[in-house]
Amino acid sequence: MFRIAVGGFSHETHTFLEKRTTVEDFADRHVQYGPEVIERNRGVSNYLRGFIDVVEEAGGELVGTVYAAANVHGYVTRNAFEKFTTDMMDALREAEGIDGVLLALHGAMAAEDYDRAEAEVVRRVRSVVGAEVPVMVTLDLHANEDHHLTDHADAAFVCKKYPHTDTQETGEAAARCMVSTLRGEFSPAMALHKPGIISPSIFQGTDFSPMREFRRRADEWEQVEEDVYYVSVAPGFGYADVPDVGASVIAVTDGDKALAEGVARDVSAFMWRRREKLARRPILGAEEAVQAATQAVGEGRTPVVLADGADRTGDSTHVLRQLLRQGVKNFALSSMHDPSAVRFCQQLGEGAEVAVSAGGWGQASGEPVQLKGTIEFVGNVNYELTGPMSTGDSVGCGPSATVNLGDSRYVILTSLNHQVRDAEGFRAFGIEPKDMDVLLVRSRVHFRAYYDRVAGEIIEVDAPGMGPADLSGLRFHKIPADTFPVGRNWPQHE
């Protein structure tokens, strides 16, 4: 019998966003302690479920510590970072006879005092449990990590798919490695290499080139070399001005450090030779994208999904304004993040006529749009994901409202920032997505897990916003100078 502590601390930090990520932001999404870390994740397809299933099947005992996750905002505040990290350390100290630690991290967290936040979490965990207790972590594909994390962890495992439909499988891989290590059947050796590339998320979908080829190269190593257990390819999170930014390759082998180094360097070099396709390509602006959507509707390719990948604050009005200006009918936007507009609709109630200013309050979000129509839905929305990604997980949108502008033009308003991942991102607000001609979502790739199967056409949009497809408009100060294509050593900075 072995006892394995499980938990996590997850945040994708957009360091260019002004709003800090607070304790309350974590509470709005996920904060779990002790046994609820285990019980509340049994039915959710995520990293923790993977830990739970494998450890229990192997006859091990699970000890829940802390799991905290928040939606994308700016730097994690000093208070929030210290609270959840300290809570985790206290839980580990109180647990007796811990044989191993499994943590679901993200890899792109940055806190006010720690640019390499997850590395600091793992360092602190190591200081509590000691050098002999294996510590293994899962990471998001957008992880920005370097040796500061791998120096303290025994093994790290990045999910292999974007959209992240394999998080449970990634958790299982980490847990199997842990169990085999505790049984003396496996001796993890790990190496990390960074090719020096920073890229926007919209180019990182693993079903498309070049990530498809990068993943294939990594898979070949796993298939050919018996001692290669897992090869991670993390293109990184490009909206973070941190020293460990950008792509990384992490190889885990059975006791062969030299082999791990060779694999990580090979895949990293392969990525470098194809860096241009990962880092930049043209995408339609708002006006052109709406024109393309109108043409697709006319040709019967519905529903058309307009994916506004640049909107990180959830309140951009650029694409909505084009839909209205070009006279598009039968469309739905999920969703517009505007708590004040929601409150106004709540006061009037369902069925009331409304004229309310919405959106345009965030960074690079455009001017507010005047919404005039009928309030068709008001409620506190918390729904369960049913699509291929994070199946069973709950999504909280807070108090919300749906406004019909006439001609079946719907705008969903939410109090919390909300990214659509499947049909429930519309149905929870009273709209059936398959009945719409055009669906506007605030997403880069995750929506594809569901909508690639049901959409008649998908059109990526690069409207103004804080998640641009061209990173050269952001001002980086902390990233390595040779980071392609926006480090100061590259031509555009001459």
Protein backbone atom coordinates (compact mmCIF):
# COMPACT_ATOMS: atom_id res chain seq x y z
CA MET A 1 0.00 0.00 0.00
CA PHE A 2 1.32 3.43 -0.90
CA ARG A 3 -0.12 6.88 -0.17
CA ILE A 4 -0.10 9.50 -2.91
CA ALA A 5 -1.00 13.13 -2.35
CA VAL A 6 -2.92 14.78 -5.19
CA GLY A 7 -3.82 18.38 -5.89
CA GLY A 8 -3.24 21.26 -8.24
CA PHE A 9 -2.83 24.98 -8.73
CA SER A 10 -3.71 26.14 -12.24
CA HIS A 11 -3.76 29.49 -14.00
CA GLU A 12 -2.90 30.70 -17.50
CA THR A 13 -1.59 34.18 -16.80
CA HIS A 14 -1.90 36.87 -19.48
CA THR A 15 0.66 39.32 -18.13
CA PHE A 16 -0.50 42.11 -20.46
CA LEU A 17 -3.97 42.21 -18.89
CA GLU A 18 -4.35 44.87 -16.25
CA LYS A 19 -6.78 42.97 -14.00
CA ARG A 20 -4.97 40.88 -11.41
CA THR A 21 -6.12 37.35 -10.55
CA THR A 22 -7.40 37.30 -6.99
CA VAL A 23 -8.53 34.76 -4.43
CA GLU A 24 -12.09 35.58 -5.47
CA ASP A 25 -11.31 34.74 -9.11
CA PHE A 26 -10.19 31.27 -8.06
CA ALA A 27 -13.33 30.91 -5.94
CA ASP A 28 -15.44 31.79 -8.99
CA ARG A 29 -14.09 28.72 -10.79
CA HIS A 30 -12.57 25.95 -8.64
CA VAL A 31 -11.30 25.83 -5.07
CA GLN A 32 -11.32 22.39 -3.42
CA TYR A 33 -9.76 21.04 -0.24
CA GLY A 34 -8.98 17.63 1.22
CA PRO A 35 -11.30 14.76 0.28
CA GLU A 36 -13.36 16.94 -2.09
CA VAL A 37 -10.32 17.17 -4.39
CA ILE A 38 -10.88 13.48 -5.01
CA GLU A 39 -14.65 13.19 -4.79
CA ARG A 40 -15.50 16.20 -6.96
CA ASN A 41 -13.24 15.09 -9.80
CA ARG A 42 -14.27 11.44 -10.12
CA GLY A 43 -16.81 12.18 -12.84
CA VAL A 44 -14.84 14.87 -14.68
CA SER A 45 -12.58 14.16 -17.63
CA ASN A 46 -9.46 15.96 -16.36
CA TYR A 47 -5.93 15.41 -15.02
CA LEU A 48 -7.15 14.68 -11.49
CA ARG A 49 -9.56 12.02 -12.72
CA GLY A 50 -6.58 10.37 -14.41
CA PHE A 51 -4.62 10.40 -11.14
CA ILE A 52 -7.56 9.00 -9.21
CA ASP A 53 -8.44 6.14 -11.54
CA VAL A 54 -4.89 4.80 -11.89
CA VAL A 55 -3.87 5.07 -8.24
CA GLU A 56 -7.05 3.44 -6.96
CA GLU A 57 -6.86 0.67 -9.54
CA ALA A 58 -3.30 -0.01 -8.38
CA GLY A 59 -4.49 -0.32 -4.79
CA GLY A 60 -2.96 2.94 -3.60
CA GLU A 61 -4.44 5.42 -1.15
CA LEU A 62 -5.17 8.97 -2.30
CA VAL A 63 -4.72 12.00 -0.08
CA GLY A 64 -6.44 15.15 -1.32
CA THR A 65 -4.60 18.41 -0.67
CA VAL A 66 -5.72 21.55 -2.54
CA TYR A 67 -6.99 22.21 -6.06
CA ALA A 68 -7.41 25.83 -7.18
CA ALA A 69 -8.01 27.09 -10.73
CA ALA A 70 -9.09 30.43 -12.19
CA ASN A 71 -9.99 31.87 -15.58
CA VAL A 72 -7.47 33.89 -17.58
CA HIS A 73 -6.61 37.28 -16.08
CA GLY A 74 -3.39 39.16 -15.35
CA TYR A 75 -0.76 38.35 -12.74
CA VAL A 76 -1.85 36.20 -9.80
CA THR A 77 -1.79 38.45 -6.75
CA ARG A 78 0.72 37.91 -3.99
CA ASN A 79 -2.14 37.11 -1.63
CA ALA A 80 -3.69 34.47 -3.89
CA PHE A 81 -0.40 32.76 -4.69
CA GLU A 82 0.69 32.59 -1.07
CA LYS A 83 -2.72 31.45 0.15
CA PHE A 84 -3.13 28.43 -2.11
CA THR A 85 0.54 27.46 -2.05
CA THR A 86 0.63 27.69 1.74
CA ASP A 87 -2.60 25.71 2.00
CA MET A 88 -1.04 22.98 -0.14
CA MET A 89 2.15 22.90 1.94
CA ASP A 90 0.12 22.71 5.16
CA ALA A 91 -1.90 19.79 3.77
CA LEU A 92 1.28 17.94 2.85
CA ARG A 93 2.78 18.52 6.30
CA GLU A 94 -0.38 17.25 8.00
CA ALA A 95 -0.48 14.09 5.90
CA GLU A 96 1.59 11.25 7.27
CA GLY A 97 3.60 8.75 5.30
CA ILE A 98 3.24 10.31 1.86
CA ASP A 99 5.05 8.16 -0.73
CA GLY A 100 4.50 10.39 -3.78
CA VAL A 101 2.93 13.67 -4.95
CA LEU A 102 0.91 14.19 -8.14
CA LEU A 103 0.09 17.80 -9.09
CA ALA A 104 -2.11 19.17 -11.86
CA LEU A 105 -0.43 22.47 -12.75
CA HIS A 106 -0.74 24.66 -15.82
CA GLY A 107 2.75 25.86 -16.66
CA ALA A 108 1.87 29.42 -17.66
CA MET A 109 1.11 30.86 -14.25
CA ALA A 110 2.91 34.08 -13.31
CA ALA A 111 2.48 35.70 -9.91
CA GLU A 112 3.36 39.16 -8.68
CA ASP A 113 6.48 37.85 -6.94
CA TYR A 114 7.22 34.84 -9.16
CA ASP A 115 7.45 34.86 -12.95
CA ARG A 116 8.07 31.11 -12.77
CA ALA A 117 5.18 30.44 -10.42
CA GLU A 118 4.78 26.67 -10.91
CA ALA A 119 8.50 26.13 -10.49
CA GLU A 120 8.18 27.86 -7.12
CA VAL A 121 5.22 25.65 -6.21
CA VAL A 122 7.18 22.49 -7.03
CA ARG A 123 10.24 23.82 -5.18
CA ARG A 124 8.14 24.36 -2.06
CA VAL A 125 6.55 20.91 -2.36
CA ARG A 126 10.01 19.39 -2.60
CA SER A 127 11.11 21.30 0.50
CA VAL A 128 8.24 19.72 2.45
CA VAL A 129 8.35 16.11 1.25
CA GLY A 130 12.11 15.80 0.83
CA ALA A 131 14.37 14.51 -1.91
CA GLU A 132 13.31 10.87 -1.76
CA VAL A 133 9.57 11.31 -2.40
CA PRO A 134 8.73 11.38 -6.13
CA VAL A 135 6.98 14.56 -7.28
CA MET A 136 5.34 14.40 -10.71
CA VAL A 137 3.27 17.04 -12.47
CA THR A 138 0.94 17.44 -15.41
CA LEU A 139 1.06 20.61 -17.50
CA ASP A 140 -1.11 22.31 -20.06
CA LEU A 141 0.07 22.35 -23.68
CA HIS A 142 0.47 26.15 -23.29
CA ALA A 143 3.02 25.74 -20.52
CA ASN A 144 5.95 28.15 -20.39
CA GLU A 145 8.54 26.20 -18.42
CA ASP A 146 12.29 25.72 -18.23
CA HIS A 147 14.77 23.86 -16.03
CA HIS A 148 13.64 25.72 -12.90
CA LEU A 149 10.64 23.37 -12.82
CA THR A 150 12.32 20.19 -14.03
CA ASP A 151 15.15 20.66 -11.51
CA HIS A 152 12.65 20.00 -8.71
CA ALA A 153 10.18 17.55 -10.31
CA ASP A 154 10.91 13.90 -11.03
CA ALA A 155 8.76 13.90 -14.18
CA ALA A 156 6.50 16.29 -16.08
CA PHE A 157 3.77 15.40 -18.58
CA VAL A 158 2.15 17.85 -21.01
CA CYS A 159 -1.21 17.03 -22.59
CA LYS A 160 -0.76 16.10 -26.24
CA LYS A 161 -3.90 17.57 -27.81
CA TYR A 162 -5.23 21.07 -28.43
CA PRO A 163 -8.20 21.22 -27.92
CA HIS A 164 -7.25 19.52 -24.66
CA THR A 165 -9.41 16.43 -24.97
CA ASP A 166 -6.75 14.17 -23.44
CA THR A 167 -6.24 15.68 -20.00
CA GLN A 168 -7.54 12.55 -18.27
CA GLU A 169 -5.18 10.40 -20.33
CA THR A 170 -2.30 12.70 -19.42
CA GLY A 171 -3.15 12.35 -15.75
CA GLU A 172 -3.23 8.59 -16.20
CA ALA A 173 0.23 8.61 -17.81
CA ALA A 174 1.64 10.59 -14.89
CA ALA A 175 -0.02 8.31 -12.34
CA ARG A 176 1.19 5.14 -14.07
CA CYS A 177 4.70 6.53 -13.99
CA MET A 178 4.31 7.27 -10.28
CA VAL A 179 2.98 3.81 -9.46
CA SER A 180 5.73 2.08 -11.45
CA THR A 181 8.35 4.25 -9.77
CA LEU A 182 7.06 3.44 -6.28
CA ARG A 183 7.05 -0.26 -7.14
CA GLY A 184 10.67 -0.06 -8.26
CA GLU A 185 9.77 -0.92 -11.86
CA PHE A 186 10.68 2.46 -13.34
CA SER A 187 13.36 5.08 -12.72
CA PRO A 188 12.34 8.41 -14.28
CA ALA A 189 14.98 10.43 -16.09
CA MET A 190 13.90 13.74 -17.61
CA ALA A 191 15.30 16.36 -19.96
CA LEU A 192 13.90 19.66 -21.23
CA HIS A 193 14.95 21.69 -24.25
CA LYS A 194 13.57 24.99 -25.53
CA PRO A 195 13.76 25.77 -29.24
CA GLY A 196 13.38 29.52 -28.64
CA ILE A 197 9.99 30.11 -30.32
CA ILE A 198 7.04 32.14 -29.08
CA SER A 199 3.70 31.76 -30.84
CA PRO A 200 0.03 32.78 -30.54
CA SER A 201 -2.40 30.13 -29.35
CA ILE A 202 -4.48 30.22 -32.53
CA PHE A 203 -1.65 28.53 -34.49
CA GLN A 204 -1.16 25.70 -31.99
CA GLY A 205 -4.04 23.33 -32.77
CA THR A 206 -2.64 19.80 -32.89
CA ASP A 207 -4.90 18.70 -35.75
CA PHE A 208 -3.21 21.21 -38.01
CA SER A 209 0.26 21.93 -39.34
CA PRO A 210 2.83 22.51 -37.90
CA MET A 211 1.80 21.13 -34.49
CA ARG A 212 0.56 17.95 -36.14
CA GLU A 213 4.07 17.28 -37.46
CA PHE A 214 5.72 18.17 -34.15
CA ARG A 215 3.47 15.75 -32.31
CA ARG A 216 4.13 13.03 -34.91
CA ARG A 217 7.89 13.43 -34.42
CA ALA A 218 7.50 13.06 -30.65
CA ASP A 219 5.22 10.03 -31.05
CA GLU A 220 7.80 8.32 -33.24
CA TRP A 221 10.33 8.46 -30.41
CA GLU A 222 7.83 6.86 -28.02
CA GLN A 223 7.11 4.09 -30.51
CA VAL A 224 10.67 3.33 -31.58
CA GLU A 225 12.63 3.60 -28.32
CA GLU A 226 11.48 1.21 -25.62
CA ASP A 227 12.92 3.33 -22.81
CA VAL A 228 11.20 6.53 -23.97
CA TYR A 229 8.08 6.74 -21.83
CA TYR A 230 6.60 10.13 -22.74
CA VAL A 231 7.58 13.06 -24.97
CA SER A 232 5.85 16.38 -24.32
CA VAL A 233 5.60 19.16 -26.90
CA ALA A 234 4.45 22.44 -25.35
CA PRO A 235 4.29 25.38 -27.80
CA GLY A 236 3.79 27.66 -24.80
CA PHE A 237 1.66 30.69 -24.00
CA GLY A 238 2.60 33.72 -26.06
CA TYR A 239 0.80 36.38 -24.01
CA ALA A 240 3.21 36.28 -21.11
CA ASP A 241 6.25 38.50 -20.63
CA VAL A 242 8.24 36.03 -18.53
CA PRO A 243 11.80 34.63 -18.74
CA ASP A 244 10.70 31.03 -19.44
CA VAL A 245 8.26 31.95 -22.21
CA GLY A 246 7.79 29.89 -25.35
CA ALA A 247 7.97 26.35 -26.60
CA SER A 248 9.55 23.48 -24.74
CA VAL A 249 10.08 19.76 -25.27
CA ILE A 250 10.22 17.46 -22.25
CA ALA A 251 11.26 13.82 -22.55
CA VAL A 252 10.83 11.22 -19.79
CA THR A 253 12.73 7.95 -20.09
CA ASP A 254 13.34 4.90 -17.94
CA GLY A 255 16.66 5.69 -16.31
CA ASP A 256 18.41 7.05 -19.41
CA LYS A 257 19.20 10.73 -18.99
CA ALA A 258 21.33 10.85 -22.15
CA LEU A 259 18.48 9.40 -24.21
CA ALA A 260 16.06 11.94 -22.74
CA GLU A 261 18.47 14.75 -23.66
CA GLY A 262 18.82 13.44 -27.21
CA VAL A 263 15.07 13.12 -27.74
CA ALA A 264 14.31 16.58 -26.36
CA ARG A 265 17.00 18.17 -28.52
CA ASP A 266 15.87 16.32 -31.65
CA VAL A 267 12.22 17.37 -31.37
CA SER A 268 13.26 20.89 -30.39
CA ALA A 269 15.49 21.19 -33.46
CA PHE A 270 12.67 19.85 -35.62
CA MET A 271 10.41 22.61 -34.30
CA TRP A 272 13.04 25.28 -34.91
CA ARG A 273 13.34 24.35 -38.57
CA ARG A 274 9.57 24.91 -38.94
CA ARG A 275 9.30 27.92 -36.65
CA GLU A 276 7.78 30.29 -39.22
CA LYS A 277 4.54 28.30 -39.56
CA LEU A 278 4.11 28.12 -35.79
CA ALA A 279 4.76 31.80 -35.13
CA ARG A 280 2.81 33.70 -37.79
CA ARG A 281 0.39 33.56 -40.72
CA PRO A 282 -2.37 35.89 -41.98
CA ILE A 283 -5.91 35.72 -40.55
CA LEU A 284 -8.99 37.63 -41.66
CA GLY A 285 -9.91 40.83 -39.84
CA ALA A 286 -13.42 41.45 -38.48
CA GLU A 287 -14.92 43.04 -41.60
CA GLU A 288 -13.54 40.42 -44.01
CA ALA A 289 -14.47 37.54 -41.70
CA VAL A 290 -18.11 38.64 -41.49
CA GLN A 291 -18.20 39.02 -45.28
CA ALA A 292 -16.88 35.46 -45.60
CA ALA A 293 -19.50 34.25 -43.13
CA THR A 294 -22.28 35.90 -45.12
CA GLN A 295 -21.08 34.16 -48.27
CA ALA A 296 -20.94 30.79 -46.49
CA VAL A 297 -24.50 31.26 -45.19
CA GLY A 298 -25.67 32.08 -48.71
CA GLU A 299 -24.12 28.85 -49.93
CA GLY A 300 -25.81 26.83 -47.19
CA ARG A 301 -22.76 26.03 -45.08
CA THR A 302 -24.36 26.59 -41.70
CA PRO A 303 -23.90 27.08 -38.88
CA VAL A 304 -20.89 29.29 -39.55
CA VAL A 305 -18.67 29.68 -36.50
CA LEU A 306 -16.77 32.95 -36.20
CA ALA A 307 -13.94 32.40 -33.73
CA ASP A 308 -12.70 35.67 -32.24
CA GLY A 309 -9.38 34.42 -30.93
CA ALA A 310 -8.04 37.84 -29.96
CA ASP A 311 -10.69 38.66 -27.36
CA ARG A 312 -9.25 37.72 -23.98
CA THR A 313 -11.47 39.93 -21.80
CA GLY A 314 -14.72 38.63 -23.34
CA ASP A 315 -16.20 42.06 -24.02
CA SER A 316 -14.92 42.90 -27.50
CA THR A 317 -17.45 44.58 -29.77
CA HIS A 318 -15.46 44.58 -33.02
CA VAL A 319 -17.01 41.49 -34.65
CA LEU A 320 -20.49 42.12 -33.24
CA ARG A 321 -20.41 45.63 -34.69
CA GLN A 322 -19.59 44.17 -38.12
CA LEU A 323 -22.43 41.65 -37.87
CA LEU A 324 -24.84 44.49 -37.18
CA ARG A 325 -23.34 46.84 -39.78
CA GLN A 326 -23.47 44.19 -42.52
CA GLY A 327 -27.07 43.27 -41.72
CA VAL A 328 -26.44 39.65 -40.73
CA LYS A 329 -29.54 37.90 -39.36
CA ASN A 330 -30.04 34.74 -37.35
CA PHE A 331 -26.81 34.93 -35.34
CA ALA A 332 -25.89 34.32 -31.72
CA LEU A 333 -22.96 35.66 -29.71
CA SER A 334 -21.87 33.65 -26.68
CA SER A 335 -20.97 35.57 -24.78
CA MET A 336 -20.50 39.26 -23.91
CA HIS A 337 -18.82 39.65 -20.54
CA ASP A 338 -20.55 42.65 -18.94
CA PRO A 339 -21.84 42.38 -15.35
CA SER A 340 -23.40 45.86 -15.38
CA ALA A 341 -25.45 45.10 -18.51
CA VAL A 342 -26.60 41.86 -16.89
CA ARG A 343 -27.72 43.70 -13.76
CA PHE A 344 -29.72 46.13 -15.89
CA CYS A 345 -31.48 43.24 -17.64
CA GLN A 346 -32.17 41.56 -14.29
CA GLN A 347 -33.94 44.66 -13.06
CA LEU A 348 -36.26 44.64 -16.10
CA GLY A 349 -36.83 40.89 -16.19
CA GLU A 350 -37.67 38.36 -18.91
CA GLY A 351 -39.98 39.59 -21.65
CA ALA A 352 -39.13 43.25 -21.14
CA GLU A 353 -37.94 45.55 -23.89
CA VAL A 354 -34.43 46.81 -23.21
CA ALA A 355 -31.92 49.36 -24.46
CA VAL A 356 -28.57 48.77 -22.81
CA SER A 357 -24.95 49.63 -23.53
CA ALA A 358 -22.79 46.50 -23.51
CA GLY A 359 -19.14 45.55 -23.96
CA GLY A 360 -16.20 47.71 -24.90
CA TRP A 361 -14.98 48.29 -21.35
CA GLY A 362 -11.79 46.19 -21.51
CA GLN A 363 -8.41 46.64 -23.14
CA ALA A 364 -8.54 46.97 -26.95
CA SER A 365 -12.21 45.88 -26.88
CA GLY A 366 -13.69 48.68 -29.02
CA GLU A 367 -16.54 51.01 -28.16
CA PRO A 368 -19.66 49.82 -26.30
CA VAL A 369 -22.57 48.65 -28.46
CA GLN A 370 -26.15 49.75 -27.82
CA LEU A 371 -28.36 46.66 -27.62
CA LYS A 372 -32.07 47.23 -28.25
CA GLY A 373 -34.45 44.30 -28.12
CA THR A 374 -36.29 41.84 -25.93
CA ILE A 375 -34.89 40.08 -22.88
CA GLU A 376 -35.59 36.41 -23.55
CA PHE A 377 -33.66 34.89 -20.64
CA VAL A 378 -32.44 35.94 -17.20
CA GLY A 379 -30.84 33.53 -14.76
CA ASN A 380 -27.81 32.39 -12.81
CA VAL A 381 -26.07 30.03 -15.24
CA ASN A 382 -23.94 27.09 -14.20
CA TYR A 383 -23.88 24.30 -16.76
CA GLU A 384 -22.08 21.00 -17.32
CA LEU A 385 -19.86 20.37 -20.32
CA THR A 386 -21.12 17.50 -22.50
CA GLY A 387 -18.71 17.73 -25.45
CA PRO A 388 -15.36 16.00 -25.97
CA MET A 389 -13.35 18.43 -23.82
CA SER A 390 -13.48 18.39 -19.99
CA THR A 391 -16.65 16.30 -20.11
CA GLY A 392 -18.60 16.59 -16.88
CA ASP A 393 -16.85 19.72 -15.68
CA SER A 394 -19.00 22.62 -14.53
CA VAL A 395 -18.87 26.09 -16.10
CA GLY A 396 -20.05 29.02 -14.04
CA CYS A 397 -21.16 32.17 -15.85
CA GLY A 398 -22.86 33.88 -12.92
CA PRO A 399 -25.98 35.99 -13.43
CA SER A 400 -26.65 36.10 -17.18
CA ALA A 401 -29.14 37.34 -19.76
CA THR A 402 -30.03 36.77 -23.41
CA VAL A 403 -31.20 39.69 -25.55
CA ASN A 404 -32.97 39.21 -28.90
CA LEU A 405 -32.25 42.22 -31.11
CA GLY A 406 -34.88 41.13 -33.63
CA ASP A 407 -34.45 39.02 -36.76
CA SER A 408 -33.16 36.22 -34.49
CA ARG A 409 -30.04 38.16 -33.53
CA TYR A 410 -29.06 37.05 -30.03
CA VAL A 411 -26.45 38.44 -27.65
CA ILE A 412 -25.74 36.45 -24.49
CA LEU A 413 -24.54 38.57 -21.56
CA THR A 414 -22.62 37.01 -18.65
CA SER A 415 -21.18 38.23 -15.36
CA LEU A 416 -18.10 36.01 -15.67
CA ASN A 417 -15.84 35.66 -18.69
CA HIS A 418 -16.96 32.61 -20.63
CA GLN A 419 -15.41 30.51 -23.40
CA VAL A 420 -17.71 28.27 -25.45
CA ARG A 421 -16.51 24.67 -25.73
CA ASP A 422 -19.61 22.80 -26.84
CA ALA A 423 -23.33 23.25 -27.53
CA GLU A 424 -24.11 23.89 -23.86
CA GLY A 425 -22.39 27.26 -24.20
CA PHE A 426 -25.52 28.34 -26.10
CA ARG A 427 -28.20 25.94 -24.84
CA ALA A 428 -27.73 27.00 -21.22
CA PHE A 429 -28.97 30.45 -22.27
CA GLY A 430 -31.98 29.23 -24.27
CA ILE A 431 -30.43 29.06 -27.74
CA GLU A 432 -30.08 25.96 -29.91
CA PRO A 433 -26.83 26.49 -31.85
CA LYS A 434 -27.73 24.26 -34.79
CA ASP A 435 -30.68 26.56 -35.54
CA MET A 436 -28.42 29.58 -36.01
CA ASP A 437 -26.79 30.66 -39.26
CA VAL A 438 -23.82 32.32 -37.52
CA LEU A 439 -22.31 31.62 -34.10
CA LEU A 440 -19.76 34.07 -32.67
CA VAL A 441 -17.52 32.60 -29.96
CA ARG A 442 -14.55 33.93 -27.96
CA SER A 443 -12.15 31.07 -28.52
CA ARG A 444 -8.99 30.14 -30.39
CA VAL A 445 -8.98 26.35 -30.63
CA HIS A 446 -10.92 24.73 -27.76
CA PHE A 447 -14.30 25.22 -29.45
CA ARG A 448 -13.10 22.98 -32.29
CA ALA A 449 -13.34 19.84 -30.14
CA TYR A 450 -17.10 20.06 -30.66
CA TYR A 451 -17.74 22.46 -33.53
CA ASP A 452 -15.33 20.90 -36.02
CA ARG A 453 -17.90 18.10 -36.18
CA VAL A 454 -21.07 20.17 -36.45
CA ALA A 455 -20.19 23.50 -38.07
CA GLY A 456 -20.76 24.05 -41.75
CA GLU A 457 -17.85 26.49 -41.83
CA ILE A 458 -15.32 27.78 -39.29
CA ILE A 459 -13.75 31.20 -39.81
CA GLU A 460 -10.93 32.43 -37.59
CA VAL A 461 -11.02 36.15 -36.85
CA ASP A 462 -8.12 38.39 -35.85
CA ALA A 463 -10.02 41.41 -34.59
CA PRO A 464 -8.26 43.95 -32.35
CA GLY A 465 -7.77 42.55 -28.87
CA MET A 466 -5.34 41.36 -26.23
CA GLY A 467 -4.79 37.98 -27.89
CA PRO A 468 -3.50 39.04 -31.31
CA ALA A 469 -2.28 36.60 -33.94
CA ASP A 470 0.66 38.98 -34.49
CA LEU A 471 2.66 39.18 -31.26
CA SER A 472 4.84 42.04 -32.50
CA GLY A 473 2.32 44.55 -31.20
CA LEU A 474 2.97 43.50 -27.58
CA ARG A 475 5.86 44.99 -25.62
CA PHE A 476 8.03 42.22 -24.18
CA HIS A 477 10.79 43.08 -21.71
CA LYS A 478 11.61 39.87 -19.83
CA ILE A 479 11.75 37.26 -22.60
CA PRO A 480 15.12 35.96 -23.88
CA ALA A 481 16.56 38.23 -26.57
CA ASP A 482 16.84 35.45 -29.16
CA THR A 483 13.19 34.31 -28.88
CA PHE A 484 11.72 34.05 -32.40
CA PRO A 485 10.08 36.18 -33.76
CA VAL A 486 9.74 39.02 -31.22
CA GLY A 487 12.89 38.88 -29.11
CA ARG A 488 14.97 42.04 -29.45
CA ASN A 489 17.63 40.22 -31.48
CA TRP A 490 15.23 39.70 -34.39
CA PRO A 491 15.09 42.17 -37.35
CA GLN A 492 11.82 43.88 -36.48
CA HIS A 493 13.48 45.27 -33.37
CA GLU A 494 16.46 46.74 -35.19
